[in-house]
Amino acid sequence: MNKEVIIEKIDDFLIDEFEVESDDISPEANLKETLGLDSLDFVDLVVAVESNFGVKLVGEDFVNIITLQNFYDLIERKLA
């Protein structure tokens, strides 16, 4: 799966399942401050990633995840 497909899938489920405004989505967007995701949303995000990409995420995976770009990169690494 190439990076563009990963980004498109992530953006789509953020909009559809987390009600993030498409205008707020950019690689520099802060997951908590800009996109408004809270700790419960992160649990749902793990489930969404598992169902969309078939990879498992654990809490340690999110230690350095601040921006949406960090999240894109994490999923790309997990799929490699």
N, C-alpha and C. Protein backbone atom coordinates (compact mmCIF):
# COMPACT_ATOMS: atom_id res chain seq x y z
N MET A 1 0.86 -1.18 0.00
CA MET A 1 0.00 0.00 0.00
C MET A 1 0.90 1.24 0.00
N ASN A 2 0.66 2.14 -0.95
CA ASN A 2 1.53 3.32 -1.02
C ASN A 2 1.06 4.42 -0.06
N LYS A 3 1.94 5.38 0.14
CA LYS A 3 1.69 6.43 1.13
C LYS A 3 0.41 7.23 0.82
N GLU A 4 0.15 7.49 -0.45
CA GLU A 4 -1.04 8.27 -0.81
C GLU A 4 -2.32 7.54 -0.41
N VAL A 5 -2.34 6.23 -0.58
CA VAL A 5 -3.52 5.43 -0.20
C VAL A 5 -3.67 5.43 1.33
N ILE A 6 -2.56 5.31 2.04
CA ILE A 6 -2.60 5.35 3.50
C ILE A 6 -3.17 6.68 3.97
N ILE A 7 -2.68 7.77 3.43
CA ILE A 7 -3.15 9.11 3.82
C ILE A 7 -4.63 9.26 3.51
N GLU A 8 -5.04 8.83 2.33
CA GLU A 8 -6.45 8.94 1.94
C GLU A 8 -7.35 8.15 2.88
N LYS A 9 -6.96 6.93 3.21
CA LYS A 9 -7.77 6.10 4.11
C LYS A 9 -7.87 6.73 5.50
N ILE A 10 -6.73 7.21 6.03
CA ILE A 10 -6.73 7.83 7.35
C ILE A 10 -7.61 9.07 7.34
N ASP A 11 -7.42 9.93 6.36
CA ASP A 11 -8.23 11.15 6.27
C ASP A 11 -9.71 10.81 6.19
N ASP A 12 -10.06 9.80 5.39
CA ASP A 12 -11.47 9.41 5.24
C ASP A 12 -12.07 8.95 6.56
N PHE A 13 -11.36 8.08 7.32
CA PHE A 13 -12.00 7.64 8.55
C PHE A 13 -11.97 8.71 9.64
N LEU A 14 -11.03 9.66 9.58
CA LEU A 14 -11.08 10.78 10.52
C LEU A 14 -12.33 11.63 10.27
N ILE A 15 -12.63 11.85 9.01
CA ILE A 15 -13.81 12.64 8.65
C ILE A 15 -15.10 11.88 8.96
N ASP A 16 -15.16 10.61 8.54
CA ASP A 16 -16.39 9.83 8.68
C ASP A 16 -16.66 9.37 10.11
N GLU A 17 -15.65 8.86 10.79
CA GLU A 17 -15.87 8.25 12.10
C GLU A 17 -15.60 9.18 13.27
N PHE A 18 -14.75 10.19 13.07
CA PHE A 18 -14.39 11.08 14.17
C PHE A 18 -14.92 12.49 13.98
N GLU A 19 -15.66 12.70 12.88
CA GLU A 19 -16.29 13.98 12.57
C GLU A 19 -15.30 15.14 12.56
N VAL A 20 -14.08 14.87 12.08
CA VAL A 20 -13.08 15.91 11.91
C VAL A 20 -13.42 16.68 10.64
N GLU A 21 -13.33 18.00 10.70
CA GLU A 21 -13.60 18.82 9.53
C GLU A 21 -12.47 18.63 8.51
N SER A 22 -12.83 18.44 7.25
CA SER A 22 -11.81 18.21 6.22
C SER A 22 -10.84 19.39 6.12
N ASP A 23 -11.32 20.59 6.42
CA ASP A 23 -10.45 21.77 6.38
C ASP A 23 -9.36 21.72 7.44
N ASP A 24 -9.59 20.98 8.53
CA ASP A 24 -8.62 20.88 9.61
C ASP A 24 -7.53 19.85 9.33
N ILE A 25 -7.74 19.01 8.33
CA ILE A 25 -6.80 17.92 8.06
C ILE A 25 -5.63 18.43 7.21
N SER A 26 -4.46 18.36 7.81
CA SER A 26 -3.20 18.67 7.12
C SER A 26 -2.11 17.90 7.83
N PRO A 27 -0.99 17.65 7.17
CA PRO A 27 0.08 16.88 7.82
C PRO A 27 0.56 17.52 9.12
N GLU A 28 0.49 18.85 9.22
CA GLU A 28 0.97 19.55 10.41
C GLU A 28 -0.06 19.58 11.54
N ALA A 29 -1.28 19.14 11.29
CA ALA A 29 -2.35 19.22 12.28
C ALA A 29 -2.01 18.40 13.53
N ASN A 30 -2.18 19.04 14.68
CA ASN A 30 -1.96 18.37 15.96
C ASN A 30 -3.19 17.51 16.25
N LEU A 31 -2.97 16.22 16.55
CA LEU A 31 -4.10 15.30 16.74
C LEU A 31 -5.01 15.74 17.88
N LYS A 32 -4.44 16.25 18.95
CA LYS A 32 -5.26 16.64 20.10
C LYS A 32 -5.80 18.06 19.96
N GLU A 33 -4.91 19.01 19.69
CA GLU A 33 -5.31 20.41 19.69
C GLU A 33 -6.08 20.82 18.43
N THR A 34 -5.59 20.43 17.28
CA THR A 34 -6.23 20.85 16.02
C THR A 34 -7.42 19.97 15.68
N LEU A 35 -7.24 18.66 15.79
CA LEU A 35 -8.30 17.73 15.39
C LEU A 35 -9.25 17.40 16.53
N GLY A 36 -8.89 17.75 17.76
CA GLY A 36 -9.79 17.57 18.90
C GLY A 36 -9.94 16.14 19.37
N LEU A 37 -8.95 15.29 19.10
CA LEU A 37 -9.04 13.89 19.54
C LEU A 37 -8.65 13.79 21.01
N ASP A 38 -9.45 13.06 21.79
CA ASP A 38 -9.13 12.86 23.20
C ASP A 38 -8.72 11.40 23.43
N SER A 39 -8.50 11.03 24.68
CA SER A 39 -7.99 9.69 24.98
C SER A 39 -8.95 8.60 24.52
N LEU A 40 -10.25 8.82 24.62
CA LEU A 40 -11.22 7.83 24.13
C LEU A 40 -11.17 7.72 22.61
N ASP A 41 -10.95 8.85 21.96
CA ASP A 41 -10.82 8.82 20.50
C ASP A 41 -9.60 8.00 20.06
N PHE A 42 -8.54 8.06 20.86
CA PHE A 42 -7.34 7.29 20.50
C PHE A 42 -7.62 5.79 20.57
N VAL A 43 -8.46 5.38 21.51
CA VAL A 43 -8.86 3.96 21.58
C VAL A 43 -9.62 3.60 20.32
N ASP A 44 -10.55 4.45 19.93
CA ASP A 44 -11.31 4.22 18.70
C ASP A 44 -10.41 4.27 17.47
N LEU A 45 -9.39 5.10 17.53
CA LEU A 45 -8.44 5.21 16.42
C LEU A 45 -7.69 3.90 16.23
N VAL A 46 -7.32 3.26 17.34
CA VAL A 46 -6.64 1.96 17.27
C VAL A 46 -7.55 0.94 16.57
N VAL A 47 -8.83 0.94 16.93
CA VAL A 47 -9.79 0.02 16.32
C VAL A 47 -9.93 0.33 14.83
N ALA A 48 -10.02 1.61 14.48
CA ALA A 48 -10.16 2.00 13.08
C ALA A 48 -8.93 1.58 12.26
N VAL A 49 -7.75 1.72 12.84
CA VAL A 49 -6.52 1.32 12.14
C VAL A 49 -6.51 -0.19 11.93
N GLU A 50 -6.90 -0.94 12.96
CA GLU A 50 -6.93 -2.40 12.83
C GLU A 50 -7.90 -2.83 11.74
N SER A 51 -9.08 -2.21 11.69
CA SER A 51 -10.07 -2.63 10.70
C SER A 51 -9.72 -2.15 9.29
N ASN A 52 -9.07 -1.01 9.17
CA ASN A 52 -8.74 -0.46 7.85
C ASN A 52 -7.41 -0.95 7.29
N PHE A 53 -6.47 -1.26 8.17
CA PHE A 53 -5.13 -1.62 7.72
C PHE A 53 -4.68 -3.00 8.17
N GLY A 54 -5.39 -3.60 9.13
CA GLY A 54 -5.01 -4.93 9.60
C GLY A 54 -3.75 -4.96 10.45
N VAL A 55 -3.40 -3.81 11.05
CA VAL A 55 -2.24 -3.77 11.95
C VAL A 55 -2.68 -3.40 13.35
N LYS A 56 -1.96 -3.92 14.32
CA LYS A 56 -2.26 -3.62 15.72
C LYS A 56 -1.37 -2.51 16.22
N LEU A 57 -1.97 -1.60 16.98
CA LEU A 57 -1.24 -0.52 17.62
C LEU A 57 -1.34 -0.70 19.13
N VAL A 58 -0.29 -0.32 19.83
CA VAL A 58 -0.29 -0.34 21.29
C VAL A 58 0.03 1.06 21.79
N GLY A 59 -0.18 1.28 23.06
CA GLY A 59 0.02 2.61 23.64
C GLY A 59 1.39 3.20 23.35
N GLU A 60 2.42 2.36 23.38
CA GLU A 60 3.78 2.84 23.14
C GLU A 60 3.94 3.41 21.73
N ASP A 61 3.12 2.94 20.79
CA ASP A 61 3.20 3.45 19.42
C ASP A 61 2.87 4.94 19.36
N PHE A 62 2.09 5.44 20.32
CA PHE A 62 1.63 6.82 20.28
C PHE A 62 2.52 7.79 21.05
N VAL A 63 3.61 7.30 21.64
CA VAL A 63 4.46 8.15 22.48
C VAL A 63 4.91 9.41 21.75
N ASN A 64 5.38 9.28 20.53
CA ASN A 64 5.89 10.44 19.78
C ASN A 64 4.96 10.89 18.67
N ILE A 65 3.70 10.51 18.75
CA ILE A 65 2.74 10.88 17.71
C ILE A 65 2.03 12.17 18.15
N ILE A 66 2.38 13.26 17.50
CA ILE A 66 1.79 14.55 17.83
C ILE A 66 0.98 15.09 16.66
N THR A 67 1.55 14.99 15.48
CA THR A 67 0.89 15.53 14.29
C THR A 67 0.31 14.41 13.44
N LEU A 68 -0.52 14.79 12.54
CA LEU A 68 -1.10 13.83 11.61
C LEU A 68 0.00 13.20 10.75
N GLN A 69 1.02 13.97 10.40
CA GLN A 69 2.15 13.41 9.64
C GLN A 69 2.83 12.30 10.43
N ASN A 70 3.01 12.51 11.75
CA ASN A 70 3.59 11.46 12.59
C ASN A 70 2.74 10.19 12.52
N PHE A 71 1.42 10.38 12.51
CA PHE A 71 0.51 9.24 12.47
C PHE A 71 0.58 8.53 11.12
N TYR A 72 0.61 9.31 10.02
CA TYR A 72 0.77 8.70 8.70
C TYR A 72 2.04 7.85 8.66
N ASP A 73 3.14 8.43 9.17
CA ASP A 73 4.42 7.73 9.15
C ASP A 73 4.38 6.45 9.99
N LEU A 74 3.70 6.49 11.13
CA LEU A 74 3.56 5.31 11.99
C LEU A 74 2.87 4.18 11.24
N ILE A 75 1.77 4.49 10.58
CA ILE A 75 1.02 3.46 9.86
C ILE A 75 1.86 2.92 8.70
N GLU A 76 2.56 3.81 8.02
CA GLU A 76 3.42 3.36 6.92
C GLU A 76 4.49 2.41 7.43
N ARG A 77 5.10 2.71 8.57
CA ARG A 77 6.12 1.83 9.16
C ARG A 77 5.52 0.49 9.56
N LYS A 78 4.32 0.51 10.13
CA LYS A 78 3.67 -0.72 10.56
C LYS A 78 3.34 -1.63 9.37
N LEU A 79 3.04 -1.03 8.24
CA LEU A 79 2.68 -1.79 7.05
C LEU A 79 3.89 -2.28 6.26
N ALA A 80 5.06 -1.74 6.57
CA ALA A 80 6.27 -2.09 5.82
C ALA A 80 6.71 -3.52 6.11
